């Protein structure tokens, strides 16, 4: 519904800083909007960025839970011997 609207219709102008969050990937992107009249012919916008050095996935936290029988609820296997007849 907003495809026909301009960024300025939303109050986004030269110097505006936007933040986009991807919660599923735990990723945040900062976007600085800068107005320029010096674009090549038929070019409406340009995306320029400084990407941080590539870093691998976050190291997983060590698990200190004891998992037995496929359950992580802390239950331990039975050690009772019972009466065998």
N, C-alpha and C. Protein backbone atom coordinates (compact mmCIF):
# COMPACT_ATOMS: atom_id res chain seq x y z
N UNK A 1 0.81 -1.20 0.00
CA UNK A 1 0.00 0.00 0.00
C UNK A 1 0.85 1.26 0.00
N UNK A 2 2.11 1.16 0.41
CA UNK A 2 2.99 2.32 0.50
C UNK A 2 3.95 2.44 -0.69
N UNK A 3 3.83 1.57 -1.67
CA UNK A 3 4.78 1.57 -2.78
C UNK A 3 4.83 2.89 -3.54
N UNK A 4 3.73 3.62 -3.61
CA UNK A 4 3.69 4.87 -4.36
C UNK A 4 4.21 6.06 -3.55
N UNK A 5 4.42 5.87 -2.27
CA UNK A 5 4.84 6.97 -1.40
C UNK A 5 6.35 7.16 -1.42
N UNK A 6 6.78 8.37 -1.15
CA UNK A 6 8.21 8.70 -1.08
C UNK A 6 8.68 8.59 0.37
N UNK A 7 9.99 8.45 0.55
CA UNK A 7 10.54 8.38 1.90
C UNK A 7 10.20 9.63 2.70
N UNK A 8 10.18 10.78 2.04
CA UNK A 8 9.88 12.03 2.74
C UNK A 8 8.45 12.04 3.31
N UNK A 9 7.56 11.24 2.72
CA UNK A 9 6.19 11.12 3.26
C UNK A 9 6.21 10.51 4.67
N UNK A 10 7.25 9.80 4.98
CA UNK A 10 7.38 9.16 6.29
C UNK A 10 8.32 9.94 7.21
N UNK A 11 8.76 11.11 6.78
CA UNK A 11 9.65 11.93 7.59
C UNK A 11 11.12 11.52 7.46
N UNK A 12 11.42 10.71 6.45
CA UNK A 12 12.79 10.27 6.22
C UNK A 12 13.42 11.21 5.21
N UNK A 13 14.47 11.89 5.64
CA UNK A 13 15.14 12.89 4.81
C UNK A 13 16.65 12.72 4.89
N UNK A 14 17.37 13.60 4.22
CA UNK A 14 18.83 13.57 4.24
C UNK A 14 19.32 13.57 5.69
N UNK A 15 20.18 12.64 6.00
CA UNK A 15 20.74 12.55 7.35
C UNK A 15 19.97 11.64 8.29
N UNK A 16 18.84 11.10 7.84
CA UNK A 16 18.07 10.19 8.68
C UNK A 16 18.82 8.88 8.84
N UNK A 17 18.75 8.32 10.03
CA UNK A 17 19.38 7.03 10.31
C UNK A 17 18.28 6.03 10.64
N UNK A 18 18.26 4.92 9.91
CA UNK A 18 17.26 3.87 10.11
C UNK A 18 17.94 2.63 10.67
N UNK A 19 17.20 1.88 11.46
CA UNK A 19 17.70 0.61 11.99
C UNK A 19 16.74 -0.49 11.60
N UNK A 20 17.26 -1.52 10.96
CA UNK A 20 16.46 -2.68 10.59
C UNK A 20 16.95 -3.88 11.38
N UNK A 21 16.04 -4.58 12.02
CA UNK A 21 16.40 -5.73 12.85
C UNK A 21 15.85 -7.02 12.25
N UNK A 22 16.67 -8.04 12.20
CA UNK A 22 16.23 -9.38 11.82
C UNK A 22 16.37 -10.23 13.07
N UNK A 23 15.26 -10.42 13.77
CA UNK A 23 15.29 -11.12 15.05
C UNK A 23 15.62 -12.60 14.90
N UNK A 24 15.23 -13.20 13.78
CA UNK A 24 15.49 -14.62 13.59
C UNK A 24 16.98 -14.91 13.44
N UNK A 25 17.72 -13.98 12.83
CA UNK A 25 19.15 -14.18 12.64
C UNK A 25 19.98 -13.38 13.63
N UNK A 26 19.33 -12.67 14.55
CA UNK A 26 20.01 -11.82 15.52
C UNK A 26 20.97 -10.88 14.80
N UNK A 27 20.41 -10.12 13.84
CA UNK A 27 21.19 -9.25 12.97
C UNK A 27 20.56 -7.87 12.93
N UNK A 28 21.38 -6.83 13.04
CA UNK A 28 20.90 -5.45 12.98
C UNK A 28 21.65 -4.72 11.87
N UNK A 29 20.92 -3.96 11.06
CA UNK A 29 21.49 -3.21 9.97
C UNK A 29 21.18 -1.74 10.19
N UNK A 30 22.21 -0.89 10.17
CA UNK A 30 22.02 0.55 10.30
C UNK A 30 22.11 1.17 8.91
N UNK A 31 21.13 2.00 8.55
CA UNK A 31 21.06 2.62 7.23
C UNK A 31 21.10 4.13 7.41
N UNK A 32 22.09 4.76 6.80
CA UNK A 32 22.20 6.22 6.81
C UNK A 32 21.70 6.72 5.46
N UNK A 33 20.67 7.56 5.46
CA UNK A 33 20.10 8.10 4.23
C UNK A 33 20.80 9.41 3.92
N UNK A 34 21.45 9.47 2.75
CA UNK A 34 22.16 10.67 2.32
C UNK A 34 21.65 11.08 0.94
N UNK A 35 21.21 12.30 0.81
CA UNK A 35 20.69 12.80 -0.46
C UNK A 35 21.86 13.22 -1.35
N UNK A 36 21.76 12.90 -2.65
CA UNK A 36 22.80 13.28 -3.59
C UNK A 36 22.16 13.62 -4.93
N UNK A 37 22.63 14.69 -5.55
CA UNK A 37 22.18 15.08 -6.88
C UNK A 37 23.15 14.57 -7.95
N UNK A 38 24.27 13.97 -7.54
CA UNK A 38 25.33 13.58 -8.47
C UNK A 38 25.25 12.12 -8.90
N UNK A 39 24.06 11.61 -9.15
CA UNK A 39 23.92 10.23 -9.60
C UNK A 39 23.98 10.18 -11.12
N UNK A 40 24.39 9.03 -11.65
CA UNK A 40 24.45 8.85 -13.09
C UNK A 40 23.05 8.93 -13.69
N UNK A 41 23.00 9.13 -14.98
CA UNK A 41 21.72 9.25 -15.69
C UNK A 41 20.90 7.97 -15.48
N UNK A 42 19.62 8.14 -15.25
CA UNK A 42 18.65 7.05 -15.05
C UNK A 42 18.90 6.25 -13.77
N UNK A 43 19.71 6.74 -12.86
CA UNK A 43 19.94 6.08 -11.58
C UNK A 43 19.15 6.85 -10.53
N UNK A 44 18.23 6.16 -9.86
CA UNK A 44 17.39 6.81 -8.86
C UNK A 44 18.00 6.80 -7.47
N UNK A 45 18.76 5.75 -7.16
CA UNK A 45 19.40 5.65 -5.84
C UNK A 45 20.63 4.78 -5.96
N UNK A 46 21.47 4.84 -4.94
CA UNK A 46 22.68 4.04 -4.90
C UNK A 46 22.84 3.50 -3.48
N UNK A 47 23.21 2.25 -3.37
CA UNK A 47 23.46 1.63 -2.07
C UNK A 47 24.97 1.51 -1.90
N UNK A 48 25.49 2.15 -0.87
CA UNK A 48 26.92 2.12 -0.58
C UNK A 48 27.07 1.69 0.86
N UNK A 49 28.05 0.87 1.14
CA UNK A 49 28.18 0.42 2.52
C UNK A 49 29.58 0.06 2.90
N UNK A 50 29.81 0.12 4.18
CA UNK A 50 31.04 -0.36 4.78
C UNK A 50 30.68 -1.56 5.61
N UNK A 51 31.01 -2.73 5.12
CA UNK A 51 30.69 -3.95 5.85
C UNK A 51 31.81 -4.26 6.83
N UNK A 52 31.45 -4.64 8.04
CA UNK A 52 32.50 -5.05 8.99
C UNK A 52 33.15 -6.33 8.48
N UNK A 53 34.33 -6.60 9.00
CA UNK A 53 35.00 -7.84 8.60
C UNK A 53 34.07 -9.01 8.85
N UNK A 54 34.14 -9.96 7.96
CA UNK A 54 33.27 -11.14 8.11
C UNK A 54 33.65 -11.89 9.38
N UNK A 55 32.67 -12.14 10.17
CA UNK A 55 32.88 -12.93 11.37
C UNK A 55 31.96 -14.14 11.28
N UNK A 56 32.43 -15.22 11.77
CA UNK A 56 31.65 -16.44 11.74
C UNK A 56 30.48 -16.37 12.71
N UNK A 57 29.71 -17.42 12.78
CA UNK A 57 28.58 -17.44 13.70
C UNK A 57 29.05 -17.31 15.14
N UNK A 58 28.17 -16.82 15.98
CA UNK A 58 28.50 -16.67 17.39
C UNK A 58 28.81 -18.04 17.97
N UNK A 59 29.85 -18.14 18.80
CA UNK A 59 30.13 -19.44 19.40
C UNK A 59 28.97 -19.85 20.30
N UNK A 60 28.64 -21.12 20.21
CA UNK A 60 27.52 -21.59 21.03
C UNK A 60 27.96 -21.67 22.49
N UNK A 61 27.01 -21.41 23.35
CA UNK A 61 27.30 -21.47 24.78
C UNK A 61 27.43 -22.93 25.20
N UNK A 62 28.42 -23.23 26.02
CA UNK A 62 28.58 -24.63 26.46
C UNK A 62 27.38 -25.05 27.30
N UNK A 63 26.95 -26.26 27.04
CA UNK A 63 25.82 -26.79 27.81
C UNK A 63 26.35 -27.55 29.00
N UNK A 64 25.85 -27.20 30.16
CA UNK A 64 26.30 -27.89 31.37
C UNK A 64 25.22 -28.82 31.90
N UNK A 65 24.14 -28.97 31.14
CA UNK A 65 23.05 -29.84 31.58
C UNK A 65 23.36 -31.29 31.27
N UNK A 66 22.94 -32.17 32.15
CA UNK A 66 23.11 -33.60 31.94
C UNK A 66 21.84 -34.11 31.26
N UNK A 67 21.99 -34.62 30.05
CA UNK A 67 20.82 -35.09 29.30
C UNK A 67 20.88 -36.61 29.25
N UNK A 68 19.81 -37.24 29.70
CA UNK A 68 19.76 -38.69 29.66
C UNK A 68 18.42 -39.12 29.06
N UNK A 69 18.46 -40.18 28.31
CA UNK A 69 17.27 -40.74 27.67
C UNK A 69 16.54 -39.71 26.81
N UNK A 70 17.29 -38.80 26.21
CA UNK A 70 16.68 -37.84 25.31
C UNK A 70 15.89 -36.75 26.00
N UNK A 71 15.98 -36.65 27.30
CA UNK A 71 15.22 -35.64 28.05
C UNK A 71 16.19 -34.67 28.69
N UNK A 72 15.84 -33.39 28.65
CA UNK A 72 16.71 -32.41 29.29
C UNK A 72 16.04 -31.81 30.52
N UNK A 73 15.10 -32.53 31.11
CA UNK A 73 14.37 -31.99 32.26
C UNK A 73 15.08 -32.26 33.59
N UNK A 74 16.27 -32.82 33.52
CA UNK A 74 17.04 -33.08 34.74
C UNK A 74 16.75 -34.43 35.37
N UNK A 75 15.81 -35.17 34.86
CA UNK A 75 15.48 -36.48 35.43
C UNK A 75 16.62 -37.45 35.16
N UNK A 76 16.95 -38.25 36.15
CA UNK A 76 18.03 -39.23 36.03
C UNK A 76 17.41 -40.62 35.91
N UNK A 77 18.15 -41.54 35.31
CA UNK A 77 17.62 -42.91 35.19
C UNK A 77 17.44 -43.54 36.57
N UNK A 78 16.50 -44.43 36.65
CA UNK A 78 16.21 -45.10 37.91
C UNK A 78 17.35 -46.05 38.26
N UNK A 79 17.71 -46.08 39.55
CA UNK A 79 18.76 -46.99 40.01
C UNK A 79 18.20 -48.02 41.00
N UNK A 80 16.88 -48.05 41.16
CA UNK A 80 16.31 -49.00 42.12
C UNK A 80 16.40 -50.41 41.55
N UNK A 81 16.57 -51.36 42.47
CA UNK A 81 16.71 -52.75 42.04
C UNK A 81 15.39 -53.52 42.21
N UNK A 82 14.56 -53.10 43.16
CA UNK A 82 13.26 -53.73 43.34
C UNK A 82 13.37 -55.18 43.77
N UNK A 83 12.26 -55.80 44.01
CA UNK A 83 12.20 -57.20 44.40
C UNK A 83 12.05 -58.06 43.16
N UNK A 84 13.03 -58.88 42.89
CA UNK A 84 12.92 -59.75 41.73
C UNK A 84 12.60 -61.16 42.24
N UNK A 85 11.52 -61.76 41.82
CA UNK A 85 11.15 -63.11 42.28
C UNK A 85 11.04 -64.05 41.15
